[in-house]
Structure formats: C-alpha cells, structure tokens
Amino acid sequence: MSYDRYVAICQPLHYGTLLGSRACVHMAAAAWGTGFLYAVLHTANTFSIPLCQGNALDQFFCEIPQILKLSCPHYYLREVGLLVVSACLFFGCFVFIVLSYVQIFRAMLRIPSEQGRHKAFSTCLPHLAVVSLFISTSFFAYLKPPSISSPFLDLVVAVLYSVVPPAVNPLIY
C-alpha cells in the first residue's frame, strides 16, 4: 500500500505504467508467497516443539508467545531463532514503508495548494495509522518484559494487532 501511495503522489503520471496489472500480480504473489512461507515455517516449528507445562493456553486463539510459555526450555531457542529471522524480514518491510512515506511527505510538502496537501494527507494517514497500530502493538506483544505480562493484557494486545488492522482495511482501501 505504501508503494501505491508513493507512485500515486510522487509519480502520478506514471501510475498506469508502474502499477499495471502485471506489477500488481507480482506484488500480490510476493505478499501471498512470503505470508504462506512464513505461516508454514511457524506452524511446522510450533508443532514440533514439545510442551512441558501442559497444553492449556490463557487465550482463545493460539499466539506464539503463549505457546512459548508452555514449551520446554531447550526448545525455546529454536522458536526464538525463527522470530529473529521474522524480525529481519519485518525490518526490511518496515524500512521500505518508512522510505516510501518519507518520499511521500516530502512530495506533499511541495504541493502549493492547501486543498491538494489536504487531499494527499487524507489519502495516506489512515494507512499510516493502521500500520502504526499494527507495528506498535506487535512490538509490545513480543518485546514486553515478562514482569508486566498478564492474561488480560496479552489478550487485548493480541486482538489489537491481529484482529483490528484486517477489520479496518476494507474501510481504508
């Protein structure tokens, strides 16, 4: 979405050629393919971890941090390694989004009319708000210290980053 906004605002005359049907198919295939691979890796790794502390979760859906609390200590590092790889992939996407929005905001500030700037900002801010909500709650869920962990807080944060962004996407796009 950030690339779409970048092309629409920074290179509007080239929108049709840069984001034609072929480019959209390639981007969708890349997103679906990496998402599928990511899901398969996590699922295979999660189901191969033996659980030493029972099999009852404190939530109504399966979250990786909750499963790690139940795993045997020496298998914990394998899942943490997968999370590090995931964090590297996430960081690459995050840098791409940030660079896109830096270019977008630079282009928006050069728009001479107030109405044009307002239209450009209103196009980008909802997407940026959802991305910020997803990133901040994901960081909090995976990087918070165990001392501030509670079942209710874990549930609220998990719902915020896994349910809210997909639910508001149709409203934004």
N, C-alpha and C. Protein backbone atom coordinates (compact mmCIF):
# COMPACT_ATOMS: atom_id res chain seq x y z
N MET A 1 0.82 -1.18 0.00
CA MET A 1 0.00 0.00 0.00
C MET A 1 0.87 1.25 0.00
N SER A 2 1.98 1.21 0.70
CA SER A 2 2.84 2.40 0.73
C SER A 2 3.43 2.67 -0.65
N TYR A 3 3.74 1.63 -1.40
CA TYR A 3 4.27 1.84 -2.75
C TYR A 3 3.18 2.42 -3.66
N ASP A 4 1.96 1.97 -3.51
CA ASP A 4 0.84 2.51 -4.28
C ASP A 4 0.67 4.00 -3.98
N ARG A 5 0.69 4.36 -2.72
CA ARG A 5 0.57 5.77 -2.34
C ARG A 5 1.76 6.57 -2.85
N TYR A 6 2.96 5.98 -2.80
CA TYR A 6 4.16 6.66 -3.28
C TYR A 6 4.03 6.99 -4.77
N VAL A 7 3.63 6.00 -5.56
CA VAL A 7 3.50 6.22 -7.01
C VAL A 7 2.37 7.21 -7.28
N ALA A 8 1.25 7.09 -6.59
CA ALA A 8 0.11 7.97 -6.82
C ALA A 8 0.44 9.43 -6.51
N ILE A 9 1.26 9.67 -5.50
CA ILE A 9 1.55 11.05 -5.10
C ILE A 9 2.83 11.58 -5.73
N CYS A 10 3.87 10.76 -5.76
CA CYS A 10 5.17 11.25 -6.24
C CYS A 10 5.33 11.12 -7.76
N GLN A 11 4.68 10.16 -8.38
CA GLN A 11 4.79 9.96 -9.82
C GLN A 11 3.42 9.69 -10.43
N PRO A 12 2.49 10.63 -10.29
CA PRO A 12 1.11 10.36 -10.73
C PRO A 12 0.95 10.10 -12.22
N LEU A 13 1.80 10.70 -13.04
CA LEU A 13 1.67 10.49 -14.48
C LEU A 13 2.16 9.11 -14.92
N HIS A 14 2.93 8.46 -14.08
CA HIS A 14 3.45 7.13 -14.40
C HIS A 14 2.69 6.02 -13.68
N TYR A 15 1.60 6.37 -13.00
CA TYR A 15 0.86 5.39 -12.20
C TYR A 15 0.42 4.18 -13.03
N GLY A 16 -0.14 4.42 -14.18
CA GLY A 16 -0.63 3.32 -15.02
C GLY A 16 0.46 2.37 -15.47
N THR A 17 1.65 2.91 -15.74
CA THR A 17 2.74 2.03 -16.20
C THR A 17 3.46 1.36 -15.04
N LEU A 18 3.64 2.08 -13.93
CA LEU A 18 4.35 1.48 -12.79
C LEU A 18 3.49 0.48 -12.02
N LEU A 19 2.20 0.73 -11.96
CA LEU A 19 1.31 -0.17 -11.22
C LEU A 19 0.25 -0.75 -12.13
N GLY A 20 0.69 -1.31 -13.23
CA GLY A 20 -0.21 -2.00 -14.14
C GLY A 20 -0.62 -3.34 -13.55
N SER A 21 -1.40 -4.07 -14.29
CA SER A 21 -1.89 -5.35 -13.78
C SER A 21 -0.76 -6.34 -13.52
N ARG A 22 0.26 -6.31 -14.35
CA ARG A 22 1.39 -7.23 -14.16
C ARG A 22 2.13 -6.93 -12.85
N ALA A 23 2.38 -5.66 -12.57
CA ALA A 23 3.06 -5.28 -11.33
C ALA A 23 2.22 -5.64 -10.12
N CYS A 24 0.91 -5.43 -10.21
CA CYS A 24 0.02 -5.77 -9.10
C CYS A 24 0.00 -7.28 -8.84
N VAL A 25 0.00 -8.06 -9.91
CA VAL A 25 0.04 -9.52 -9.76
C VAL A 25 1.34 -9.95 -9.10
N HIS A 26 2.46 -9.36 -9.52
CA HIS A 26 3.75 -9.71 -8.92
C HIS A 26 3.80 -9.33 -7.44
N MET A 27 3.31 -8.14 -7.11
CA MET A 27 3.33 -7.73 -5.70
C MET A 27 2.39 -8.59 -4.85
N ALA A 28 1.21 -8.92 -5.38
CA ALA A 28 0.29 -9.78 -4.64
C ALA A 28 0.87 -11.18 -4.47
N ALA A 29 1.48 -11.71 -5.52
CA ALA A 29 2.09 -13.04 -5.42
C ALA A 29 3.24 -13.04 -4.42
N ALA A 30 4.04 -11.99 -4.41
CA ALA A 30 5.14 -11.90 -3.44
C ALA A 30 4.60 -11.83 -2.01
N ALA A 31 3.56 -11.02 -1.80
CA ALA A 31 2.98 -10.90 -0.46
C ALA A 31 2.35 -12.22 -0.01
N TRP A 32 1.57 -12.85 -0.87
CA TRP A 32 0.94 -14.11 -0.52
C TRP A 32 1.97 -15.21 -0.34
N GLY A 33 2.97 -15.25 -1.21
CA GLY A 33 4.00 -16.28 -1.11
C GLY A 33 4.81 -16.17 0.17
N THR A 34 5.26 -14.96 0.50
CA THR A 34 6.03 -14.81 1.73
C THR A 34 5.15 -15.04 2.95
N GLY A 35 3.90 -14.62 2.90
CA GLY A 35 2.98 -14.88 4.01
C GLY A 35 2.75 -16.37 4.21
N PHE A 36 2.58 -17.09 3.11
CA PHE A 36 2.38 -18.54 3.19
C PHE A 36 3.63 -19.23 3.73
N LEU A 37 4.80 -18.85 3.23
CA LEU A 37 6.05 -19.44 3.70
C LEU A 37 6.27 -19.15 5.18
N TYR A 38 6.00 -17.93 5.58
CA TYR A 38 6.13 -17.54 6.98
C TYR A 38 5.19 -18.39 7.85
N ALA A 39 3.96 -18.55 7.41
CA ALA A 39 2.99 -19.33 8.18
C ALA A 39 3.40 -20.80 8.26
N VAL A 40 3.88 -21.36 7.16
CA VAL A 40 4.31 -22.76 7.15
C VAL A 40 5.50 -22.96 8.09
N LEU A 41 6.47 -22.05 8.04
CA LEU A 41 7.63 -22.17 8.93
C LEU A 41 7.22 -22.12 10.40
N HIS A 42 6.38 -21.15 10.75
CA HIS A 42 5.94 -21.04 12.14
C HIS A 42 5.10 -22.23 12.56
N THR A 43 4.22 -22.69 11.70
CA THR A 43 3.36 -23.82 12.05
C THR A 43 4.18 -25.09 12.23
N ALA A 44 5.08 -25.37 11.30
CA ALA A 44 5.92 -26.57 11.42
C ALA A 44 6.79 -26.51 12.67
N ASN A 45 7.36 -25.36 12.92
CA ASN A 45 8.22 -25.22 14.09
C ASN A 45 7.43 -25.31 15.38
N THR A 46 6.26 -24.70 15.41
CA THR A 46 5.45 -24.71 16.62
C THR A 46 4.95 -26.11 16.95
N PHE A 47 4.51 -26.86 15.92
CA PHE A 47 4.01 -28.20 16.19
C PHE A 47 5.12 -29.19 16.52
N SER A 48 6.36 -28.85 16.26
CA SER A 48 7.45 -29.75 16.59
C SER A 48 8.03 -29.49 17.98
N ILE A 49 7.59 -28.45 18.64
CA ILE A 49 8.09 -28.14 19.98
C ILE A 49 7.30 -28.94 21.01
N PRO A 50 8.00 -29.72 21.84
CA PRO A 50 7.27 -30.43 22.91
C PRO A 50 6.86 -29.45 24.01
N LEU A 51 5.68 -29.68 24.56
CA LEU A 51 5.16 -28.82 25.62
C LEU A 51 5.41 -29.49 26.96
N CYS A 52 6.12 -28.81 27.83
CA CYS A 52 6.48 -29.37 29.13
C CYS A 52 5.59 -28.86 30.26
N GLN A 53 4.80 -27.84 30.00
CA GLN A 53 3.99 -27.24 31.06
C GLN A 53 2.50 -27.33 30.74
N GLY A 54 2.07 -28.44 30.20
CA GLY A 54 0.66 -28.62 29.86
C GLY A 54 0.35 -28.11 28.46
N ASN A 55 -0.94 -28.10 28.14
CA ASN A 55 -1.33 -27.63 26.82
C ASN A 55 -2.51 -26.67 26.87
N ALA A 56 -2.76 -26.05 28.00
CA ALA A 56 -3.86 -25.09 28.15
C ALA A 56 -3.31 -23.67 28.01
N LEU A 57 -3.88 -22.92 27.05
CA LEU A 57 -3.47 -21.54 26.82
C LEU A 57 -4.40 -20.60 27.57
N ASP A 58 -3.89 -19.40 27.87
CA ASP A 58 -4.68 -18.39 28.55
C ASP A 58 -5.53 -17.56 27.60
N GLN A 59 -5.48 -17.88 26.32
CA GLN A 59 -6.22 -17.11 25.32
C GLN A 59 -7.11 -18.03 24.51
N PHE A 60 -8.03 -17.43 23.76
CA PHE A 60 -8.92 -18.24 22.94
C PHE A 60 -8.37 -18.49 21.55
N PHE A 61 -7.22 -17.87 21.19
CA PHE A 61 -6.55 -18.23 19.95
C PHE A 61 -5.07 -18.40 20.22
N CYS A 62 -4.44 -19.16 19.37
CA CYS A 62 -3.06 -19.59 19.57
C CYS A 62 -2.07 -18.51 19.15
N GLU A 63 -1.36 -17.96 20.08
CA GLU A 63 -0.35 -16.95 19.81
C GLU A 63 1.02 -17.53 20.16
N ILE A 64 2.02 -17.16 19.40
CA ILE A 64 3.35 -17.71 19.59
C ILE A 64 3.89 -17.45 20.99
N PRO A 65 3.79 -16.22 21.54
CA PRO A 65 4.30 -16.02 22.91
C PRO A 65 3.62 -16.92 23.94
N GLN A 66 2.33 -17.19 23.75
CA GLN A 66 1.62 -18.06 24.69
C GLN A 66 2.12 -19.51 24.58
N ILE A 67 2.39 -19.96 23.37
CA ILE A 67 2.90 -21.32 23.18
C ILE A 67 4.31 -21.44 23.75
N LEU A 68 5.11 -20.40 23.59
CA LEU A 68 6.48 -20.44 24.11
C LEU A 68 6.50 -20.55 25.64
N LYS A 69 5.48 -20.01 26.30
CA LYS A 69 5.39 -20.14 27.76
C LYS A 69 5.20 -21.60 28.18
N LEU A 70 4.61 -22.40 27.29
CA LEU A 70 4.34 -23.80 27.61
C LEU A 70 5.44 -24.75 27.14
N SER A 71 6.36 -24.27 26.32
CA SER A 71 7.37 -25.16 25.74
C SER A 71 8.48 -25.49 26.72
N CYS A 72 9.19 -26.56 26.39
CA CYS A 72 10.35 -26.95 27.18
C CYS A 72 11.45 -25.91 26.98
N PRO A 73 12.23 -25.64 28.01
CA PRO A 73 13.22 -24.55 27.92
C PRO A 73 14.23 -24.69 26.78
N HIS A 74 14.73 -25.88 26.49
CA HIS A 74 15.78 -26.01 25.47
C HIS A 74 15.22 -25.91 24.05
N TYR A 75 13.91 -26.03 23.86
CA TYR A 75 13.32 -25.85 22.54
C TYR A 75 12.93 -24.39 22.28
N TYR A 76 12.94 -23.62 23.32
CA TYR A 76 12.57 -22.21 23.23
C TYR A 76 13.48 -21.46 22.26
N LEU A 77 14.77 -21.79 22.25
CA LEU A 77 15.74 -21.08 21.40
C LEU A 77 15.46 -21.28 19.91
N ARG A 78 14.93 -22.43 19.54
CA ARG A 78 14.63 -22.68 18.13
C ARG A 78 13.53 -21.73 17.64
N GLU A 79 12.51 -21.53 18.45
CA GLU A 79 11.44 -20.61 18.08
C GLU A 79 11.93 -19.16 18.13
N VAL A 80 12.78 -18.87 19.07
CA VAL A 80 13.36 -17.52 19.14
C VAL A 80 14.19 -17.25 17.89
N GLY A 81 14.92 -18.26 17.40
CA GLY A 81 15.68 -18.10 16.16
C GLY A 81 14.78 -17.78 14.99
N LEU A 82 13.63 -18.45 14.91
CA LEU A 82 12.66 -18.17 13.85
C LEU A 82 12.09 -16.77 14.01
N LEU A 83 11.88 -16.34 15.24
CA LEU A 83 11.39 -14.98 15.48
C LEU A 83 12.43 -13.95 15.08
N VAL A 84 13.71 -14.25 15.24
CA VAL A 84 14.77 -13.33 14.81
C VAL A 84 14.76 -13.20 13.29
N VAL A 85 14.63 -14.33 12.59
CA VAL A 85 14.53 -14.28 11.13
C VAL A 85 13.30 -13.48 10.72
N SER A 86 12.19 -13.69 11.41
CA SER A 86 10.97 -12.93 11.14
C SER A 86 11.18 -11.45 11.38
N ALA A 87 11.90 -11.12 12.43
CA ALA A 87 12.17 -9.71 12.73
C ALA A 87 13.02 -9.07 11.64
N CYS A 88 13.95 -9.82 11.09
CA CYS A 88 14.76 -9.29 9.98
C CYS A 88 13.91 -9.02 8.75
N LEU A 89 13.02 -9.96 8.42
CA LEU A 89 12.10 -9.75 7.30
C LEU A 89 11.19 -8.56 7.56
N PHE A 90 10.69 -8.49 8.78
CA PHE A 90 9.83 -7.38 9.16
C PHE A 90 10.58 -6.06 9.06
N PHE A 91 11.83 -6.03 9.49
CA PHE A 91 12.61 -4.80 9.45
C PHE A 91 12.80 -4.33 8.01
N GLY A 92 13.02 -5.26 7.09
CA GLY A 92 13.14 -4.89 5.68
C GLY A 92 11.86 -4.24 5.16
N CYS A 93 10.71 -4.82 5.49
CA CYS A 93 9.43 -4.22 5.08
C CYS A 93 9.23 -2.87 5.75
N PHE A 94 9.59 -2.78 7.01
CA PHE A 94 9.43 -1.53 7.76
C PHE A 94 10.28 -0.42 7.14
N VAL A 95 11.51 -0.73 6.77
CA VAL A 95 12.38 0.28 6.14
C VAL A 95 11.78 0.72 4.80
N PHE A 96 11.24 -0.21 4.03
CA PHE A 96 10.61 0.13 2.75
C PHE A 96 9.42 1.07 2.97
N ILE A 97 8.59 0.78 3.97
CA ILE A 97 7.44 1.63 4.26
C ILE A 97 7.88 3.02 4.71
N VAL A 98 8.87 3.07 5.59
CA VAL A 98 9.35 4.37 6.08
C VAL A 98 9.94 5.20 4.95
N LEU A 99 10.76 4.57 4.11
CA LEU A 99 11.34 5.31 2.99
C LEU A 99 10.27 5.80 2.02
N SER A 100 9.26 4.97 1.78
CA SER A 100 8.16 5.39 0.91
C SER A 100 7.44 6.60 1.49
N TYR A 101 7.15 6.55 2.78
CA TYR A 101 6.42 7.67 3.38
C TYR A 101 7.27 8.92 3.53
N VAL A 102 8.57 8.77 3.70
CA VAL A 102 9.43 9.96 3.70
C VAL A 102 9.34 10.65 2.35
N GLN A 103 9.42 9.87 1.28
CA GLN A 103 9.30 10.46 -0.07
C GLN A 103 7.91 11.06 -0.30
N ILE A 104 6.89 10.39 0.20
CA ILE A 104 5.52 10.90 0.06
C ILE A 104 5.37 12.23 0.79
N PHE A 105 5.82 12.29 2.03
CA PHE A 105 5.67 13.53 2.80
C PHE A 105 6.51 14.66 2.21
N ARG A 106 7.67 14.34 1.69
CA ARG A 106 8.46 15.37 1.01
C ARG A 106 7.71 15.91 -0.20
N ALA A 107 7.09 15.03 -0.97
CA ALA A 107 6.32 15.46 -2.14
C ALA A 107 5.08 16.25 -1.72
N MET A 108 4.45 15.83 -0.64
CA MET A 108 3.25 16.54 -0.18
C MET A 108 3.57 17.95 0.29
N LEU A 109 4.69 18.12 0.92
CA LEU A 109 5.05 19.46 1.40
C LEU A 109 5.38 20.41 0.26
N ARG A 110 5.67 19.87 -0.92
CA ARG A 110 5.94 20.71 -2.09
C ARG A 110 4.68 21.06 -2.86
N ILE A 111 3.54 20.47 -2.50
CA ILE A 111 2.28 20.79 -3.18
C ILE A 111 1.89 22.22 -2.81
N PRO A 112 1.68 23.09 -3.80
CA PRO A 112 1.44 24.50 -3.49
C PRO A 112 0.08 24.79 -2.86
N SER A 113 -0.95 24.06 -3.24
CA SER A 113 -2.29 24.40 -2.74
C SER A 113 -2.59 23.67 -1.44
N GLU A 114 -3.29 24.34 -0.57
CA GLU A 114 -3.70 23.75 0.70
C GLU A 114 -4.65 22.58 0.47
N GLN A 115 -5.54 22.71 -0.49
CA GLN A 115 -6.50 21.65 -0.81
C GLN A 115 -5.79 20.40 -1.32
N GLY A 116 -4.77 20.58 -2.14
CA GLY A 116 -4.00 19.44 -2.66
C GLY A 116 -3.25 18.72 -1.55
N ARG A 117 -2.66 19.49 -0.63
CA ARG A 117 -1.95 18.87 0.51
C ARG A 117 -2.93 18.10 1.39
N HIS A 118 -4.10 18.70 1.64
CA HIS A 118 -5.10 18.04 2.48
C HIS A 118 -5.56 16.72 1.85
N LYS A 119 -5.79 16.72 0.55
CA LYS A 119 -6.21 15.51 -0.15
C LYS A 119 -5.14 14.43 -0.08
N ALA A 120 -3.89 14.82 -0.26
CA ALA A 120 -2.80 13.84 -0.20
C ALA A 120 -2.64 13.28 1.21
N PHE A 121 -2.72 14.14 2.22
CA PHE A 121 -2.59 13.67 3.60
C PHE A 121 -3.77 12.76 3.97
N SER A 122 -4.98 13.11 3.55
CA SER A 122 -6.14 12.29 3.89
C SER A 122 -6.08 10.93 3.22
N THR A 123 -5.36 10.81 2.12
CA THR A 123 -5.19 9.53 1.45
C THR A 123 -4.23 8.63 2.21
N CYS A 124 -3.18 9.21 2.77
CA CYS A 124 -2.11 8.43 3.38
C CYS A 124 -2.28 8.18 4.88
N LEU A 125 -2.88 9.11 5.60
CA LEU A 125 -2.91 8.99 7.05
C LEU A 125 -3.67 7.78 7.58
N PRO A 126 -4.81 7.36 6.99
CA PRO A 126 -5.45 6.15 7.52
C PRO A 126 -4.57 4.91 7.39
N HIS A 127 -3.89 4.75 6.26
CA HIS A 127 -2.98 3.61 6.09
C HIS A 127 -1.86 3.68 7.10
N LEU A 128 -1.30 4.85 7.28
CA LEU A 128 -0.21 5.02 8.23
C LEU A 128 -0.67 4.75 9.67
N ALA A 129 -1.90 5.12 9.99
CA ALA A 129 -2.43 4.86 11.33
C ALA A 129 -2.58 3.37 11.59
N VAL A 130 -3.07 2.63 10.61
CA VAL A 130 -3.24 1.18 10.79
C VAL A 130 -1.89 0.48 10.88
N VAL A 131 -0.96 0.89 10.03
CA VAL A 131 0.39 0.30 10.08
C VAL A 131 1.04 0.60 11.43
N SER A 132 0.88 1.82 11.92
CA SER A 132 1.46 2.19 13.22
C SER A 132 0.83 1.39 14.35
N LEU A 133 -0.49 1.20 14.31
CA LEU A 133 -1.16 0.39 15.33
C LEU A 133 -0.64 -1.04 15.30
N PHE A 134 -0.53 -1.62 14.12
CA PHE A 134 -0.05 -2.99 13.99
C PHE A 134 1.39 -3.12 14.50
N ILE A 135 2.26 -2.22 14.09
CA ILE A 135 3.67 -2.30 14.47
C ILE A 135 3.85 -2.09 15.97
N SER A 136 3.21 -1.07 16.52
CA SER A 136 3.41 -0.77 17.94
C SER A 136 2.86 -1.88 18.83
N THR A 137 1.69 -2.41 18.51
CA THR A 137 1.15 -3.48 19.35
C THR A 137 1.92 -4.79 19.16
N SER A 138 2.42 -5.03 17.95
CA SER A 138 3.24 -6.23 17.73
C SER A 138 4.53 -6.14 18.52
N PHE A 139 5.18 -4.99 18.47
CA PHE A 139 6.40 -4.80 19.25
C PHE A 139 6.12 -5.01 20.73
N PHE A 140 5.04 -4.43 21.20
CA PHE A 140 4.71 -4.56 22.62
C PHE A 140 4.44 -6.02 22.98
N ALA A 141 3.73 -6.75 22.12
CA ALA A 141 3.39 -8.15 22.41
C ALA A 141 4.63 -9.03 22.49
N TYR A 142 5.58 -8.80 21.59
CA TYR A 142 6.73 -9.70 21.51
C TYR A 142 7.94 -9.21 22.29
N LEU A 143 8.00 -7.94 22.63
CA LEU A 143 9.20 -7.41 23.29
C LEU A 143 8.96 -6.93 24.71
N LYS A 144 7.75 -7.06 25.22
CA LYS A 144 7.50 -6.59 26.59
C LYS A 144 8.15 -7.54 27.59
N PRO A 145 8.59 -6.99 28.71
CA PRO A 145 9.19 -7.85 29.73
C PRO A 145 8.14 -8.74 30.38
N PRO A 146 8.52 -9.95 30.77
CA PRO A 146 7.55 -10.87 31.39
C PRO A 146 6.95 -10.32 32.68
N SER A 147 7.63 -9.37 33.32
CA SER A 147 7.13 -8.85 34.59
C SER A 147 5.81 -8.09 34.44
N ILE A 148 5.54 -7.52 33.25
CA ILE A 148 4.28 -6.79 33.07
C ILE A 148 3.26 -7.61 32.29
N SER A 149 3.47 -8.89 32.20
CA SER A 149 2.57 -9.76 31.45
C SER A 149 1.40 -10.18 32.34
N SER A 150 0.22 -10.07 31.78
CA SER A 150 -0.98 -10.60 32.43
C SER A 150 -1.86 -11.19 31.33
N PRO A 151 -2.67 -12.18 31.66
CA PRO A 151 -3.51 -12.80 30.62
C PRO A 151 -4.41 -11.79 29.91
N PHE A 152 -5.00 -10.86 30.66
CA PHE A 152 -5.89 -9.88 30.05
C PHE A 152 -5.12 -8.94 29.13
N LEU A 153 -3.98 -8.45 29.57
CA LEU A 153 -3.17 -7.55 28.74
C LEU A 153 -2.69 -8.26 27.48
N ASP A 154 -2.25 -9.50 27.61
CA ASP A 154 -1.82 -10.28 26.45
C ASP A 154 -2.96 -10.45 25.45
N LEU A 155 -4.16 -10.70 25.94
CA LEU A 155 -5.31 -10.87 25.08
C LEU A 155 -5.66 -9.57 24.35
N VAL A 156 -5.67 -8.46 25.07
CA VAL A 156 -6.00 -7.17 24.46
C VAL A 156 -4.98 -6.82 23.37
N VAL A 157 -3.71 -6.99 23.67
CA VAL A 157 -2.67 -6.66 22.69
C VAL A 157 -2.75 -7.58 21.48
N ALA A 158 -3.00 -8.86 21.71
CA ALA A 158 -3.11 -9.80 20.59
C ALA A 158 -4.30 -9.45 19.69
N VAL A 159 -5.42 -9.06 20.28
CA VAL A 159 -6.57 -8.66 19.47
C VAL A 159 -6.26 -7.38 18.70
N LEU A 160 -5.55 -6.45 19.34
CA LEU A 160 -5.23 -5.18 18.68
C LEU A 160 -4.37 -5.38 17.44
N TYR A 161 -3.42 -6.31 17.48
CA TYR A 161 -2.56 -6.44 16.30
C TYR A 161 -2.99 -7.54 15.34
N SER A 162 -3.88 -8.42 15.75
CA SER A 162 -4.27 -9.48 14.82
C SER A 162 -5.69 -9.35 14.29
N VAL A 163 -6.56 -8.62 14.95
CA VAL A 163 -7.95 -8.51 14.52
C VAL A 163 -8.27 -7.11 13.99
N VAL A 164 -7.83 -6.08 14.69
CA VAL A 164 -8.23 -4.71 14.33
C VAL A 164 -7.70 -4.28 12.95
N PRO A 165 -6.39 -4.42 12.64
CA PRO A 165 -5.94 -3.98 11.31
C PRO A 165 -6.65 -4.64 10.14
N PRO A 166 -6.83 -5.97 10.12
CA PRO A 166 -7.57 -6.54 9.00
C PRO A 166 -9.04 -6.10 8.97
N ALA A 167 -9.61 -5.82 10.13
CA ALA A 167 -11.02 -5.41 10.16
C ALA A 167 -11.21 -4.00 9.59
N VAL A 168 -10.25 -3.12 9.78
CA VAL A 168 -10.41 -1.75 9.26
C VAL A 168 -9.83 -1.59 7.86
N ASN A 169 -9.12 -2.56 7.34
CA ASN A 169 -8.56 -2.46 5.99
C ASN A 169 -9.61 -2.17 4.92
N PRO A 170 -10.76 -2.84 4.91
CA PRO A 170 -11.75 -2.51 3.88
C PRO A 170 -12.23 -1.06 3.95
N LEU A 171 -12.25 -0.49 5.14
CA LEU A 171 -12.65 0.92 5.28
C LEU A 171 -11.61 1.86 4.70
N ILE A 172 -10.33 1.47 4.81
CA ILE A 172 -9.25 2.34 4.35
C ILE A 172 -9.07 2.23 2.85
N TYR A 173 -9.09 1.03 2.32
CA TYR A 173 -8.78 0.85 0.91
C TYR A 173 -10.01 1.04 0.06
